Protein backbone atom coordinates (compact mmCIF):
# COMPACT_ATOMS: atom_id res chain seq x y z
CA MET A 1 241.87 192.85 36.51
CA ASN A 2 238.64 191.01 35.42
CA ASN A 3 237.15 190.52 39.13
CA PRO A 4 234.43 192.49 39.48
CA LEU A 5 234.96 192.38 43.26
CA PHE A 6 238.38 194.32 42.23
CA LEU A 7 236.72 197.34 41.45
CA LEU A 8 234.13 197.63 44.26
CA ILE A 9 236.81 197.04 46.93
CA VAL A 10 238.77 200.22 45.29
CA LEU A 11 235.69 202.55 44.79
CA ILE A 12 234.43 201.67 48.17
CA PRO A 13 236.83 203.55 50.05
CA VAL A 14 237.48 206.28 47.51
CA SER A 15 233.45 206.84 47.61
CA GLY A 16 233.68 206.83 51.46
CA PHE A 17 236.71 209.69 51.44
CA LEU A 18 234.75 211.66 48.63
CA LEU A 19 231.66 211.54 51.35
CA GLU A 20 233.52 212.61 54.05
CA ARG A 21 234.96 215.26 52.22
CA TYR A 22 231.75 217.01 50.84
CA LEU A 23 230.15 216.45 55.01
CA VAL A 24 233.46 218.54 55.87
CA PHE A 25 232.80 221.35 53.25
CA LEU A 26 229.08 221.22 54.29
CA ASN A 27 229.94 221.82 57.92
CA SER A 28 232.54 224.45 57.11
CA LYS A 29 229.84 226.61 55.01
CA MET A 30 228.04 227.04 58.74
CA TRP A 31 230.78 229.15 60.12
CA SER A 32 230.57 232.75 59.63
CA ASP A 33 233.12 235.94 60.55
CA LYS A 34 231.12 237.29 63.31
CA LEU A 35 229.22 235.21 66.07
CA PRO A 36 226.14 233.96 65.41
CA GLU A 37 222.87 235.06 66.93
CA GLU A 38 222.09 231.85 68.27
CA LEU A 39 225.17 231.53 70.24
CA THR A 40 224.57 235.05 71.71
CA GLY A 41 224.85 234.26 75.82
CA ILE A 42 226.94 231.13 75.52
CA CYS A 43 230.24 232.42 74.07
CA ASP A 44 231.59 235.59 73.37
CA GLU A 45 233.35 236.77 69.82
CA ALA A 46 236.62 235.87 71.16
CA GLU A 47 235.84 232.27 72.10
CA TYR A 48 233.89 232.03 68.94
CA ARG A 49 236.71 232.61 66.72
CA LYS A 50 238.79 230.46 69.00
CA THR A 51 236.60 227.32 68.31
CA LEU A 52 236.88 228.59 64.39
CA HIS A 53 240.23 228.28 64.21
CA TYR A 54 240.43 224.74 66.13
CA GLU A 55 238.09 223.60 63.78
CA LYS A 56 240.02 224.61 60.73
CA ASP A 57 243.38 223.02 62.08
CA ASN A 58 241.85 220.09 63.26
CA ARG A 59 239.90 219.80 59.44
CA LYS A 60 243.46 220.24 57.82
CA LEU A 61 245.01 217.41 59.80
CA SER A 62 241.97 215.38 59.26
CA PHE A 63 242.47 215.97 55.44
CA TRP A 64 245.95 215.02 55.24
CA SER A 65 245.46 211.62 57.87
CA SER A 66 242.51 210.58 55.82
CA SER A 67 244.50 211.20 52.15
CA PHE A 68 247.51 209.65 53.22
CA ASN A 69 245.44 206.34 54.53
CA LEU A 70 243.63 206.45 51.51
CA ALA A 71 246.61 206.38 49.33
CA ILE A 72 247.89 203.36 51.36
CA ILE A 73 244.96 201.40 51.00
CA LEU A 74 245.02 201.82 47.59
CA ALA A 75 248.44 200.92 46.89
CA MET A 76 247.65 198.12 48.89
CA ILE A 77 244.94 196.73 46.80
CA ILE A 78 246.15 197.87 43.54
CA MET A 79 249.74 196.66 43.63
CA GLY A 80 248.93 193.86 45.78
CA GLY A 81 250.26 194.81 48.96
CA PHE A 82 247.69 192.57 51.14
CA ALA A 83 248.92 189.79 48.91
CA PHE A 84 252.60 190.44 49.66
CA PHE A 85 252.11 190.33 53.39
CA ASP A 86 249.84 186.98 53.09
CA LYS A 87 252.77 185.32 50.72
CA LEU A 88 255.76 186.71 53.21
CA ALA A 89 253.87 185.22 56.36
CA GLY A 90 253.52 181.96 54.82
CA SER A 91 257.05 182.26 54.36
CA ILE A 92 257.36 182.08 57.70
CA SER A 93 255.19 179.64 58.82
CA THR A 94 252.89 176.51 57.38
CA ASN A 95 250.26 176.73 60.08
CA MET A 96 247.25 178.84 59.04
CA ILE A 97 246.76 179.88 62.32
CA VAL A 98 250.10 181.54 62.55
CA ILE A 99 250.64 182.77 59.37
CA SER A 100 247.26 185.06 60.08
CA LEU A 101 248.72 186.40 63.40
CA ILE A 102 251.83 187.09 61.34
CA PHE A 103 250.00 188.73 58.63
CA PHE A 104 247.86 191.07 61.13
CA ALA A 105 250.63 192.10 62.71
CA PHE A 106 252.59 193.03 59.71
CA ILE A 107 249.12 195.36 58.95
CA GLY A 108 248.62 196.46 62.57
CA ILE A 109 252.52 197.62 62.96
CA GLY A 110 252.11 199.10 59.60
CA SER A 111 249.03 201.28 60.44
CA GLU A 112 250.74 202.42 63.84
CA ILE A 113 253.57 203.66 62.13
CA ILE A 114 251.70 205.40 59.39
CA ASN A 115 249.32 207.26 61.96
CA ILE A 116 251.31 207.71 64.95
CA PRO A 117 253.10 211.14 63.27
CA PHE A 118 249.39 212.57 62.82
CA LYS A 119 248.55 211.72 66.61
CA TRP A 120 251.67 213.13 67.76
CA TYR A 121 251.06 216.13 65.72
CA ASP A 122 247.31 216.71 67.10
CA THR A 123 248.34 215.90 70.57
CA PHE A 124 251.56 218.19 70.66
CA VAL A 125 250.87 220.81 68.06
CA ILE A 126 246.94 221.60 68.15
CA GLU A 127 246.05 220.15 71.16
CA LYS A 128 248.67 222.47 72.85
CA LYS A 129 248.27 225.36 70.43
CA TYR A 130 244.72 225.63 72.24
CA GLY A 131 245.70 224.96 75.74
CA PHE A 132 244.16 221.14 75.73
CA ASN A 133 247.26 219.16 76.05
CA THR A 134 248.70 218.33 79.69
CA MET A 135 250.33 215.09 78.19
CA THR A 136 254.15 214.68 78.28
CA VAL A 137 256.26 212.85 75.62
CA ARG A 138 256.81 209.86 78.21
CA ILE A 139 252.68 209.63 78.66
CA PHE A 140 252.24 209.34 75.13
CA ILE A 141 255.01 206.78 74.63
CA THR A 142 253.35 204.61 77.50
CA ASP A 143 250.11 204.77 76.54
CA HIS A 144 250.47 203.56 73.00
CA LEU A 145 252.85 200.74 74.50
CA LYS A 146 249.91 199.80 76.99
CA SER A 147 247.60 199.66 74.06
CA TRP A 148 249.88 197.27 72.39
CA PHE A 149 250.12 195.29 75.16
CA ILE A 150 246.55 194.91 75.61
CA THR A 151 246.31 193.50 71.87
CA MET A 152 248.59 191.31 72.76
CA ILE A 153 247.36 189.87 75.57
CA ILE A 154 243.73 189.90 74.52
CA GLY A 155 243.50 190.44 70.77
CA ILE A 156 245.98 187.87 69.41
CA PRO A 157 244.66 184.96 71.66
CA VAL A 158 240.78 186.01 70.68
CA LEU A 159 241.88 186.05 66.92
CA ALA A 160 244.13 182.91 67.20
CA LEU A 161 241.15 181.13 68.82
CA ILE A 162 238.45 182.26 66.39
CA THR A 163 240.91 181.50 63.40
CA TRP A 164 241.17 177.86 64.78
CA ILE A 165 237.47 177.77 65.05
CA TYR A 166 237.12 178.58 61.57
CA TYR A 167 239.69 176.26 60.27
CA ARG A 168 238.17 173.32 62.58
CA LEU A 169 234.59 173.76 62.00
CA GLY A 170 234.40 175.82 58.54
CA LYS A 171 231.31 177.97 57.87
CA ASN A 172 229.68 177.25 61.13
CA PHE A 173 232.48 178.79 62.97
CA TRP A 174 230.66 182.13 63.31
CA LEU A 175 228.18 180.85 66.02
CA TRP A 176 231.47 179.97 68.43
CA ALA A 177 232.95 183.15 67.35
CA TRP A 178 229.94 185.00 68.04
CA GLY A 179 229.75 183.32 71.53
CA LEU A 180 233.42 183.84 72.21
CA VAL A 181 233.23 188.05 71.15
CA THR A 182 229.81 188.23 73.19
CA VAL A 183 231.54 186.78 76.36
CA LEU A 184 234.80 189.09 76.15
CA SER A 185 232.24 192.14 75.53
CA VAL A 186 230.32 191.68 78.66
CA PHE A 187 233.28 190.71 80.55
CA ILE A 188 234.96 194.17 79.47
CA ASN A 189 231.59 195.90 80.26
CA PHE A 190 231.47 194.71 83.70
CA PHE A 191 235.44 195.16 84.65
CA TYR A 192 236.63 198.18 82.27
CA SER A 193 237.17 200.69 85.34
CA GLU A 194 238.83 198.05 87.33
CA LEU A 195 241.08 196.20 85.01
CA ILE A 196 241.66 198.44 81.98
CA VAL A 197 241.36 202.31 83.30
CA PRO A 198 243.87 201.41 86.36
CA LEU A 199 246.62 200.74 83.33
CA PHE A 200 246.45 204.48 82.02
CA ASN A 201 244.78 206.78 84.92
CA ARG A 202 244.69 206.62 88.86
CA GLN A 203 241.06 206.47 90.29
CA THR A 204 240.62 207.24 93.96
CA PRO A 205 237.16 207.54 95.36
CA LEU A 206 235.45 210.70 95.89
CA PRO A 207 236.45 212.24 99.48
CA GLU A 208 233.47 212.98 101.91
CA SER A 209 232.47 216.42 100.68
CA SER A 210 229.40 218.39 100.07
CA LEU A 211 229.54 217.04 96.09
CA ARG A 212 229.85 213.41 97.36
CA THR A 213 226.65 214.33 99.77
CA ARG A 214 224.36 215.89 96.95
CA ILE A 215 225.41 212.97 94.45
CA GLU A 216 224.61 210.42 96.99
CA THR A 217 220.96 211.96 98.27
CA PHE A 218 220.17 212.24 94.34
CA ALA A 219 221.05 208.76 93.53
CA ARG A 220 219.09 207.65 96.83
CA GLU A 221 215.90 209.96 95.92
CA THR A 222 215.94 208.33 92.35
CA GLY A 223 216.54 204.84 93.69
CA PHE A 224 219.44 204.38 92.05
CA ARG A 225 221.93 202.27 93.77
CA LEU A 226 225.52 203.41 93.81
CA ARG A 227 228.57 201.22 94.52
CA ASP A 228 230.89 204.14 94.66
CA ILE A 229 232.18 207.37 93.17
CA TYR A 230 235.46 207.56 91.75
CA LEU A 231 237.77 210.70 90.69
CA ILE A 232 240.09 210.18 87.83
CA ASP A 233 243.06 212.05 87.07
CA GLY A 234 242.02 213.03 83.44
CA SER A 235 243.96 216.26 83.85
CA LYS A 236 247.81 214.49 83.06
CA ARG A 237 246.21 214.21 79.49
CA SER A 238 244.00 217.10 78.91
CA THR A 239 242.37 219.92 80.13
CA LYS A 240 239.06 218.70 78.74
CA ALA A 241 236.64 217.48 81.12
CA ASN A 242 234.04 214.37 81.22
CA ALA A 243 232.23 212.20 83.38
CA TYR A 244 230.86 208.46 82.48
CA PHE A 245 229.44 205.63 83.91
CA SER A 246 230.60 202.26 83.70
CA GLY A 247 229.57 198.67 84.86
CA PHE A 248 226.52 196.57 85.46
CA GLY A 249 224.85 195.41 88.81
CA SER A 250 227.28 195.48 91.54
CA LYS A 251 230.21 196.70 89.67
CA LYS A 252 228.60 200.02 88.46
CA ARG A 253 230.37 202.85 89.30
CA ILE A 254 230.49 206.64 88.50
CA VAL A 255 233.64 208.40 87.36
CA LEU A 256 234.63 212.00 87.47
CA TYR A 257 237.54 213.66 85.81
CA ASP A 258 239.07 216.10 88.13
CA THR A 259 238.92 218.83 85.30
CA LEU A 260 235.32 218.53 85.72
CA LEU A 261 235.47 219.77 89.34
CA LYS A 262 237.96 222.61 88.32
CA GLU A 263 235.06 223.94 85.71
CA MET A 264 231.80 223.31 86.95
CA SER A 265 229.71 224.00 90.19
CA GLU A 266 228.51 221.22 92.31
CA GLU A 267 224.81 221.62 91.13
CA GLU A 268 226.20 221.56 87.30
CA ILE A 269 228.24 218.48 88.35
CA VAL A 270 224.99 216.44 89.93
CA ALA A 271 223.15 217.47 86.64
CA VAL A 272 225.78 215.88 84.52
CA LEU A 273 225.79 212.98 86.48
CA ALA A 274 221.75 212.97 86.77
CA HIS A 275 221.98 212.81 82.95
CA GLU A 276 224.32 209.40 82.98
CA ILE A 277 222.13 207.60 85.76
CA GLY A 278 219.01 208.66 83.36
CA HIS A 279 220.66 206.34 80.83
CA TYR A 280 221.05 203.80 83.25
CA LYS A 281 217.39 204.17 84.30
CA LYS A 282 216.29 204.13 80.52
CA LYS A 283 218.39 200.87 80.07
CA HIS A 284 220.34 202.50 77.17
CA VAL A 285 223.37 201.26 78.22
CA LEU A 286 222.18 197.78 78.47
CA ARG A 287 220.25 198.05 74.89
CA ARG A 288 223.56 199.51 73.26
CA LEU A 289 225.37 196.31 74.58
CA LEU A 290 222.90 193.92 73.46
CA SER A 291 222.43 196.08 69.81
CA SER A 292 226.29 195.85 69.63
CA ILE A 293 226.40 191.80 70.68
CA PHE A 294 223.42 191.17 67.97
CA ILE A 295 225.54 193.37 65.29
CA THR A 296 228.42 191.47 65.53
CA GLY A 297 226.76 188.34 65.38
CA PHE A 298 225.11 189.27 62.02
CA MET A 299 228.55 190.69 60.69
CA LEU A 300 230.29 187.42 61.36
CA PHE A 301 227.02 185.23 59.75
CA LEU A 302 227.59 187.43 56.32
CA PHE A 303 231.73 186.73 56.51
CA SER A 304 230.90 183.03 57.22
CA LEU A 305 229.11 182.95 53.71
CA VAL A 306 231.71 184.50 51.82
CA VAL A 307 234.94 184.10 53.97
CA ASP A 308 235.91 180.82 51.76
CA ASN A 309 235.47 182.45 48.43
CA PRO A 310 238.04 182.34 46.11
CA ALA A 311 236.85 185.75 44.32
CA LEU A 312 237.64 187.58 47.54
CA SER A 313 241.06 186.47 47.77
CA GLU A 314 241.79 186.97 43.87
CA ALA A 315 240.51 190.55 44.44
CA LEU A 316 243.53 191.34 46.71
CA GLY A 317 245.64 189.47 44.61
CA ALA A 318 246.14 186.40 46.64
CA GLY A 319 246.51 182.85 45.11
CA ARG A 320 244.53 181.35 47.47
CA PRO A 321 241.51 181.35 49.87
CA SER A 322 242.31 182.21 53.68
CA PHE A 323 240.78 183.41 56.68
CA HIS A 324 242.70 186.59 57.20
CA ILE A 325 242.65 187.72 53.31
CA GLY A 326 239.11 187.24 53.27
CA LEU A 327 238.21 188.90 56.39
CA VAL A 328 240.52 192.25 54.90
CA ALA A 329 238.34 192.10 51.73
CA PHE A 330 235.25 191.66 53.60
CA GLY A 331 235.62 194.41 55.85
CA ILE A 332 236.10 196.51 52.90
CA LEU A 333 233.09 195.66 51.22
CA TYR A 334 231.19 195.84 54.29
CA SER A 335 231.75 199.48 54.85
CA PRO A 336 228.47 200.54 53.01
CA LEU A 337 226.33 198.48 55.43
CA SER A 338 228.74 199.44 58.31
CA LEU A 339 227.39 202.95 57.55
CA VAL A 340 223.87 202.19 57.34
CA ILE A 341 223.93 200.42 60.72
CA GLY A 342 226.19 203.19 62.04
CA LEU A 343 223.65 205.98 60.83
CA ALA A 344 221.01 203.97 62.56
CA GLY A 345 222.94 203.80 65.89
CA ASN A 346 224.02 207.46 65.75
CA PHE A 347 219.82 208.14 65.49
CA LEU A 348 219.00 206.10 68.17
CA SER A 349 222.14 207.50 70.46
CA ARG A 350 220.93 211.13 69.83
CA ARG A 351 217.20 209.76 71.00
CA ASN A 352 218.78 208.49 73.86
CA GLU A 353 220.72 211.58 75.15
CA PHE A 354 217.57 213.72 74.86
CA GLU A 355 215.73 211.13 77.16
CA ALA A 356 218.65 211.37 79.42
CA ASP A 357 218.20 215.24 79.45
CA LEU A 358 214.45 214.76 79.87
CA TYR A 359 215.27 212.63 82.83
CA VAL A 360 217.19 215.14 84.30
CA ARG A 361 214.63 217.71 83.57
CA GLN A 362 212.03 215.66 85.37
CA ASN A 363 214.00 214.47 88.44
CA TYR A 364 216.66 217.47 88.77
CA ASN A 365 216.84 220.53 87.51
CA PRO A 366 217.28 221.50 83.77
CA GLU A 367 218.86 224.88 84.31
CA PHE A 368 222.02 223.45 85.99
CA LEU A 369 222.48 220.94 83.14
CA ALA A 370 221.95 223.39 80.67
CA SER A 371 224.79 225.63 82.30
CA ALA A 372 226.85 222.73 82.46
CA LEU A 373 226.59 221.84 78.45
CA LYS A 374 227.28 225.46 77.81
CA LYS A 375 230.29 225.17 79.96
CA LEU A 376 231.66 222.21 78.15
CA SER A 377 231.02 223.11 74.77
CA VAL A 378 232.56 226.27 75.16
CA LYS A 379 235.66 224.96 77.16
CA ASN A 380 236.03 221.88 74.79
CA LEU A 381 235.61 224.29 71.84
CA SER A 382 233.05 222.17 70.68
CA ASN A 383 231.08 222.86 66.94
CA MET A 384 227.91 224.46 67.92
CA ILE A 385 226.22 224.96 64.64
CA PRO A 386 227.32 222.26 62.72
CA HIS A 387 225.54 221.14 59.56
CA PRO A 388 222.53 218.65 59.69
CA ALA A 389 223.96 216.50 57.20
CA TYR A 390 227.25 216.16 59.36
CA VAL A 391 224.94 215.70 62.31
CA PHE A 392 223.09 212.83 60.59
CA PHE A 393 226.37 210.81 59.69
CA HIS A 394 228.49 211.70 62.62
CA TYR A 395 227.25 212.78 66.06
CA SER A 396 225.78 210.45 68.52
CA HIS A 397 224.90 213.55 70.52
CA PRO A 398 222.77 216.08 69.45
CA PRO A 399 224.22 219.42 69.03
CA LEU A 400 224.04 222.02 71.90
CA LEU A 401 221.63 224.21 70.72
CA ALA A 402 219.01 221.39 70.05
CA ARG A 403 219.49 220.22 73.79
CA LEU A 404 219.16 223.20 75.35
CA GLU A 405 216.05 224.20 73.36
CA ARG A 406 214.77 220.32 74.55
CA LEU A 407 215.82 221.48 78.16
CA LYS A 408 213.76 224.74 78.01
């Protein structure tokens, strides 16, 4: 094909795959046969070797999954798969909005069919092998059904409305689409724990106890207005522990996984929550939301500049420009810029984590947070000595050893 965009659209996913394989290779070189000296006192030889095997199994699955997905994408591009589904959708309807919805339905269903076996293997083979998985087959199936349901009731109407705006307004559609996505993002951030989480997990208020008293005391002393503290039944899917903070204003809440209570002392749990409160106090959550909104607007603006360019459709073998084909081609071409934005986002996120750790150091007890971080890393079989390049590209949180050093 003489279209230079075609070559770019082929080279970009291949380059991304090769870069990722190289980063994984560098990361694997950090492992040794014996327990590294810097991990002495954090985990023992048996725990270290278990982490090593867990990492190897996940690395193999990642290789086969990413290789298969790359092969499918290249086949779709080179053999005209996207053009085929575009033509098939056009044979079902003449309405461009309906055609776009049908097209993305084909792509979405195909993607699910391709990736469900890998998710199944990850859940019921690897996670089960290392004692993490507690999910039943029924929950696995119902989780996917619920996710598809959410996509149908939220994703389809939003996509249909954005497509309608495009065909109605042309290139100026991006401002209205940006406004729509912004409203949706803010809404989800406010009501995620009340509307989305209950579809998958049961949340119950943390009962009156010494732990609740400790948390409320710390929140009161630091001027953090706490609406409520919830306990979530994370143990029905995994033994891995977690906690998070969600919402803004009167909707903000702290959520503890029940597995966290089994693994940590009350002082350690308060330290973990103090870290989350630190994010709120430093306005990290708000800044992250605002930056996400800005990046979405920037992406939509760039897309508006090229969406009706016939070269994009031709690069994927389609005979006519369309919103959905243009979006697929732009999504691939945008990947390098998305990578750069992601690197900047990860850098800022790692800095925010250090700031939240510093908040714990200044307002609570850093030793309890250090102890909690060690337990989480060992329990979750986290890679505690990743390669710096891998951290640079992938880590939104600093590695354990770096955080422990800052906490001292």
